[in-house]
Protein backbone atom coordinates (compact mmCIF):
# COMPACT_ATOMS: atom_id res chain seq x y z
CA MET A 1 38.99 65.59 17.73
CA ALA A 2 42.27 63.68 17.50
CA GLU A 3 43.04 61.97 14.21
CA GLU A 4 42.59 58.21 14.32
CA GLN A 5 45.84 56.24 14.31
CA SER A 6 46.31 53.92 11.35
CA LEU A 7 47.53 50.36 11.75
CA GLU A 8 51.21 49.69 11.16
CA PRO A 9 51.79 47.64 9.13
CA ALA A 10 48.54 48.01 7.19
CA CYS A 11 46.60 44.76 6.84
CA ARG A 12 43.90 42.93 4.92
CA ILE A 13 41.70 39.91 5.62
CA THR A 14 39.55 37.52 3.58
CA SER A 15 36.24 35.83 4.27
CA ALA A 16 36.31 32.91 6.70
CA GLN A 17 38.02 29.79 5.37
CA ARG A 18 37.62 26.19 6.51
CA VAL A 19 40.73 24.74 8.19
CA SER A 20 41.61 21.22 9.30
CA ALA A 21 40.74 19.89 12.76
CA GLY A 22 44.43 19.70 13.64
CA GLN A 23 44.70 23.49 13.45
CA GLY A 24 42.87 23.67 16.78
CA ALA A 25 45.97 22.21 18.43
CA ALA A 26 48.32 24.17 16.14
CA TRP A 27 46.90 27.47 17.44
CA TRP A 28 48.02 26.52 20.93
CA ARG A 29 51.47 25.46 19.73
CA GLU A 30 51.99 28.67 17.76
CA ALA A 31 50.78 30.81 20.67
CA ILE A 32 53.14 29.04 23.10
CA GLU A 33 56.04 29.60 20.69
CA LEU A 34 55.25 33.31 20.43
CA LEU A 35 54.77 33.68 24.17
CA SER A 36 58.02 31.85 24.97
CA VAL A 37 60.10 34.28 22.88
CA ASP A 38 59.38 37.27 25.13
CA THR A 39 57.49 35.86 28.09
CA GLU A 40 58.14 38.65 30.58
CA HIS A 41 56.90 41.34 28.20
CA TRP A 42 53.72 39.41 27.39
CA ILE A 43 53.04 38.79 31.08
CA MET A 44 53.60 42.47 31.94
CA ALA A 45 51.36 43.59 29.06
CA THR A 46 48.66 41.17 30.23
CA LEU A 47 49.00 42.41 33.81
CA LEU A 48 48.71 46.01 32.62
CA LEU A 49 45.57 45.14 30.67
CA MET A 50 44.03 43.34 33.65
CA VAL A 51 44.81 46.26 35.98
CA ILE A 52 43.15 48.67 33.54
CA GLY A 53 40.18 46.33 33.28
CA ALA A 54 39.93 46.08 37.07
CA VAL A 55 39.98 49.87 37.41
CA VAL A 56 37.30 50.28 34.74
CA GLY A 57 35.22 47.56 36.40
CA PHE A 58 35.57 49.18 39.84
CA VAL A 59 34.61 52.62 38.57
CA GLY A 60 31.69 51.07 36.72
CA SER A 61 30.50 49.31 39.87
CA LEU A 62 30.09 52.68 41.57
CA VAL A 63 27.16 53.43 39.25
CA PRO A 64 24.77 50.46 39.28
CA TYR A 65 23.48 49.25 35.90
CA VAL A 66 24.85 52.24 33.99
CA GLY A 67 28.39 51.35 35.06
CA ASP A 68 27.91 47.74 34.02
CA LEU A 69 26.64 48.90 30.64
CA ILE A 70 29.63 51.18 30.11
CA THR A 71 32.00 48.37 31.09
CA GLY A 72 30.33 46.08 28.55
CA LEU A 73 30.71 48.71 25.83
CA LEU A 74 34.44 49.02 26.53
CA ILE A 75 35.33 45.32 26.53
CA PRO A 76 36.10 45.17 22.77
CA VAL A 77 38.10 48.41 23.02
CA PHE A 78 40.55 46.82 25.44
CA SER A 79 40.40 43.27 24.07
CA VAL A 80 42.15 44.18 20.79
CA GLY A 81 45.33 45.42 22.51
CA LEU A 82 47.12 42.09 22.82
CA LEU A 83 45.87 41.02 19.38
CA TYR A 84 47.47 44.07 17.79
CA MET A 85 50.69 43.53 19.75
CA ALA A 86 50.84 39.95 18.44
CA TYR A 87 50.28 41.23 14.90
CA ARG A 88 53.15 43.72 15.19
CA VAL A 89 55.59 41.35 16.90
CA ILE A 90 54.97 38.60 14.34
CA HIS A 91 55.72 41.08 11.57
CA GLY A 92 59.02 42.14 13.11
CA HIS A 93 58.05 45.27 15.02
CA ALA A 94 59.22 46.13 18.51
CA PHE A 95 57.20 45.28 21.61
CA VAL A 96 55.49 48.53 22.69
CA TYR A 97 53.42 48.54 25.88
CA ASN A 98 51.17 51.46 24.97
CA ASN A 99 49.75 49.35 22.14
CA VAL A 100 47.70 47.67 24.84
CA LEU A 101 45.46 50.73 24.48
CA ILE A 102 45.41 50.78 20.66
CA GLY A 103 41.62 50.41 20.85
CA LEU A 104 41.46 53.97 22.19
CA ARG A 105 43.33 55.25 19.12
CA HIS A 106 42.04 53.12 16.23
CA ARG A 107 38.44 52.19 15.39
CA THR A 108 37.33 53.29 18.86
CA LYS A 109 33.76 54.22 17.90
CA ALA A 110 33.31 50.98 15.96
CA LEU A 111 34.66 48.94 18.88
CA ILE A 112 32.26 50.65 21.30
CA LEU A 113 29.40 49.82 18.92
CA ALA A 114 30.73 46.24 18.87
CA GLY A 115 30.41 46.26 22.66
CA ALA A 116 26.84 47.52 22.32
CA ALA A 117 26.11 44.65 19.92
CA GLN A 118 27.54 42.17 22.45
CA VAL A 119 25.39 43.63 25.25
CA GLY A 120 22.33 43.48 22.98
CA LEU A 121 23.07 39.85 22.14
CA GLN A 122 23.36 39.03 25.84
CA ILE A 123 19.96 40.60 26.50
CA VAL A 124 18.35 38.70 23.62
CA ALA A 125 19.85 35.40 24.81
CA TYR A 126 18.67 36.06 28.38
CA LEU A 127 15.14 36.94 27.28
CA ALA A 128 15.00 33.83 25.09
CA LEU A 129 16.12 31.67 28.02
CA VAL A 130 13.55 33.23 30.37
CA ALA A 131 10.76 32.93 27.80
CA VAL A 132 11.39 29.27 26.97
CA THR A 133 11.92 28.15 30.55
CA GLY A 134 8.91 30.23 31.65
CA LEU A 135 6.63 28.57 29.11
CA TRP A 136 8.00 25.15 30.01
CA GLY A 137 7.56 25.85 33.73
CA ALA A 138 3.99 27.09 33.21
CA SER A 139 3.10 23.92 31.33
CA THR A 140 4.57 21.66 33.99
CA THR A 141 3.57 23.47 37.20
CA THR A 142 1.37 21.60 39.63
CA ASN A 143 -0.72 23.12 42.42
CA ASP A 144 -0.42 20.00 44.51
CA PHE A 145 2.23 20.27 47.21
CA SER A 146 2.74 16.50 47.20
CA MET A 147 4.82 15.66 44.15
CA SER A 148 4.24 12.34 42.45
CA THR A 149 6.94 10.38 40.68
CA GLU A 150 5.73 11.83 37.40
CA ASP A 151 5.99 15.37 38.79
CA ILE A 152 9.56 14.72 39.93
CA VAL A 153 10.48 13.41 36.48
CA VAL A 154 8.88 16.44 34.83
CA SER A 155 10.67 18.79 37.23
CA GLY A 156 13.99 17.12 36.46
CA ALA A 157 13.28 17.37 32.74
CA SER A 158 12.55 21.08 33.16
CA GLY A 159 15.90 21.59 34.84
CA LEU A 160 17.62 19.62 32.09
CA VAL A 161 15.93 21.75 29.41
CA PHE A 162 17.09 24.92 31.17
CA PHE A 163 20.66 23.62 31.41
CA VAL A 164 20.85 22.45 27.78
CA LEU A 165 19.32 25.68 26.49
CA ALA A 166 21.66 27.79 28.62
CA MET A 167 24.69 25.87 27.34
CA LEU A 168 23.48 26.15 23.73
CA LEU A 169 22.91 29.90 24.00
CA SER A 170 26.29 30.34 25.70
CA CYS A 171 28.05 28.47 22.88
CA VAL A 172 26.27 30.55 20.23
CA TYR A 173 27.14 33.76 22.06
CA LEU A 174 30.81 32.82 22.45
CA ALA A 175 31.03 31.83 18.78
CA ALA A 176 29.47 35.14 17.71
CA VAL A 177 31.80 37.32 19.80
CA TRP A 178 35.00 35.24 19.52
CA PHE A 179 36.34 37.02 16.44
CA GLN A 180 34.07 40.07 16.50
CA PRO A 181 36.54 42.60 17.98
CA ALA A 182 39.30 41.42 15.62
CA LEU A 183 36.98 41.66 12.62
CA VAL A 184 35.98 45.20 13.58
CA PHE A 185 39.56 46.22 14.34
CA PHE A 186 41.59 44.54 11.58
CA GLY A 187 38.92 44.00 8.94
CA GLU A 188 36.90 47.20 9.55
CA ARG A 189 33.69 45.20 9.54
CA GLY A 190 30.49 46.51 11.09
CA PRO A 191 29.57 45.40 14.63
CA ILE A 192 26.54 43.32 13.60
CA HIS A 193 28.08 41.93 10.42
CA SER A 194 31.16 40.88 12.40
CA LEU A 195 28.97 38.90 14.82
CA ARG A 196 27.55 36.92 11.90
CA GLN A 197 30.99 36.43 10.34
CA SER A 198 32.45 35.23 13.64
CA LEU A 199 29.58 32.80 14.18
CA ARG A 200 29.97 31.42 10.66
CA ALA A 201 33.74 31.07 11.08
CA VAL A 202 33.32 28.98 14.23
CA LEU A 203 30.52 26.85 12.79
CA ILE A 204 32.36 25.90 9.59
CA ASN A 205 35.44 25.10 11.70
CA TRP A 206 33.70 23.27 14.52
CA ARG A 207 36.13 20.35 14.30
CA ALA A 208 39.12 22.65 14.80
CA PHE A 209 37.39 24.38 17.72
CA LEU A 210 36.51 21.03 19.26
CA MET A 211 40.19 20.13 19.16
CA TYR A 212 41.02 23.59 20.51
CA GLY A 213 38.66 23.04 23.45
CA VAL A 214 40.09 19.62 24.28
CA VAL A 215 43.63 21.01 24.36
CA SER A 216 42.56 24.02 26.42
CA ILE A 217 40.94 21.81 29.06
CA GLY A 218 44.10 19.72 29.33
CA LEU A 219 46.35 22.77 29.60
CA ALA A 220 44.10 24.41 32.20
CA ILE A 221 43.60 21.37 34.42
CA LEU A 222 47.25 20.40 34.86
CA PRO A 223 48.75 23.62 36.34
CA PHE A 224 45.77 24.40 38.56
CA ALA A 225 45.62 20.79 39.76
CA ILE A 226 49.28 21.12 40.80
CA ILE A 227 48.51 24.38 42.65
CA TRP A 228 45.54 22.78 44.43
CA LEU A 229 47.72 19.81 45.43
CA ALA A 230 50.46 22.15 46.70
CA LEU A 231 47.99 24.14 48.83
CA THR A 232 46.56 20.90 50.23
CA LEU A 233 50.01 19.61 51.17
CA VAL A 234 50.86 22.94 52.82
CA ARG A 235 47.78 22.70 55.03
CA ILE A 236 48.57 19.08 55.97
CA TRP A 237 52.34 19.15 56.51
CA LEU A 238 53.27 22.70 57.44
CA ALA A 239 52.23 25.11 60.17
CA GLY A 240 52.98 28.56 61.52
CA VAL A 241 55.05 31.16 59.68
CA LEU A 242 56.61 28.64 57.29
CA ALA A 243 53.16 27.51 56.14
CA MET A 244 52.11 31.12 55.61
CA VAL A 245 55.22 31.90 53.53
CA VAL A 246 54.81 28.81 51.35
CA TYR A 247 51.08 29.51 51.00
CA VAL A 248 51.78 33.06 49.78
CA LEU A 249 54.39 31.79 47.31
CA VAL A 250 51.97 29.21 45.91
CA VAL A 251 49.24 31.87 45.56
CA ILE A 252 51.69 34.16 43.73
CA ALA A 253 52.64 31.29 41.45
CA GLY A 254 48.95 30.69 40.79
CA GLY A 255 48.50 34.35 39.87
CA ALA A 256 51.46 34.21 37.48
CA ILE A 257 50.06 31.06 35.85
CA SER A 258 46.68 32.78 35.47
CA LEU A 259 48.34 35.73 33.71
CA PHE A 260 50.28 33.35 31.49
CA PHE A 261 47.14 31.41 30.58
CA PHE A 262 45.14 34.58 29.87
CA ALA A 263 47.88 35.83 27.55
CA LEU A 264 48.05 32.40 25.92
CA ILE A 265 44.30 32.29 25.22
CA THR A 266 44.46 35.76 23.66
CA LEU A 267 47.34 34.71 21.43
CA THR A 268 45.51 31.54 20.36
CA THR A 269 42.59 33.78 19.35
CA TYR A 270 44.98 35.78 17.18
CA MET A 271 46.46 32.63 15.64
CA ALA A 272 43.00 31.28 14.87
CA PHE A 273 41.90 34.60 13.39
CA ARG A 274 45.02 34.81 11.21
CA ASP A 275 44.52 31.24 10.06
CA ILE A 276 40.79 31.40 9.30
CA PHE A 277 40.56 34.94 7.92
CA GLY A 278 43.96 35.03 6.19
CA LEU A 279 45.20 38.11 8.07
CA GLU A 280 48.30 39.49 6.37
CA THR A 281 50.02 42.81 5.77
CA GLU A 282 49.18 44.90 2.74
CA GLU A 283 52.71 44.27 1.45
CA ALA A 284 52.15 40.50 1.52
CA ARG A 285 49.56 40.61 -1.27
CA PHE A 286 52.29 41.64 -3.71
CA LEU A 287 54.73 38.89 -2.70
């Protein structure tokens, strides 16, 4: 068995710290600054990661259920690649593309177990949703085909309960897995313990994450609204070959923006992790 690669430079983290609400916007600013320094390399690394993910997903789809499970187990393995690249670049190391696959060379077993923990959490959340909505539905079901006003109100309330519960469970799940791969990879935490630490980190910094969400919505809406407007204008004003050419160019631009935004979100995750968990090199503790 090949010897596991150690991180370079070596690092350390602390327990989750509370940060100010304004840091939610600062994570975006810092990520944009990092991305703007070497944009083409970050976009290519992101494209490489997405191609690998697409291949893994396609192969997994060939084996129903089992393939989906394997894909879920591998998500943390591949998700740490860009995080590690950000860590190295920030600390003055060269941009190396094969670090996209660092999860296959460092903490691989732990990252796969982290994926198993994520899959298990998804199953628990799904069963909880089914159980609660099933009990609610059983208590509100009527055998009369003609629905009264009261029945309609109850049916609407049931749908509202399902929606609110689904949103709540989704938020809890996202909070639990947001920092989990980074905690396993950089902090060498266990897969279950890292879920709890990630959840706690998000909860004690809910103001910062609220600000983060507001900024992310604004940044996402603007470019894709422009693309939608451009495609609409193409359909209205242009025709024939020229319309097709412009349409293809707009679609390509949309793909490039998607890659840029995916890379940006990953880098904001790194910035937030560094900020909340005090990620630094081993050398920094002596400075």
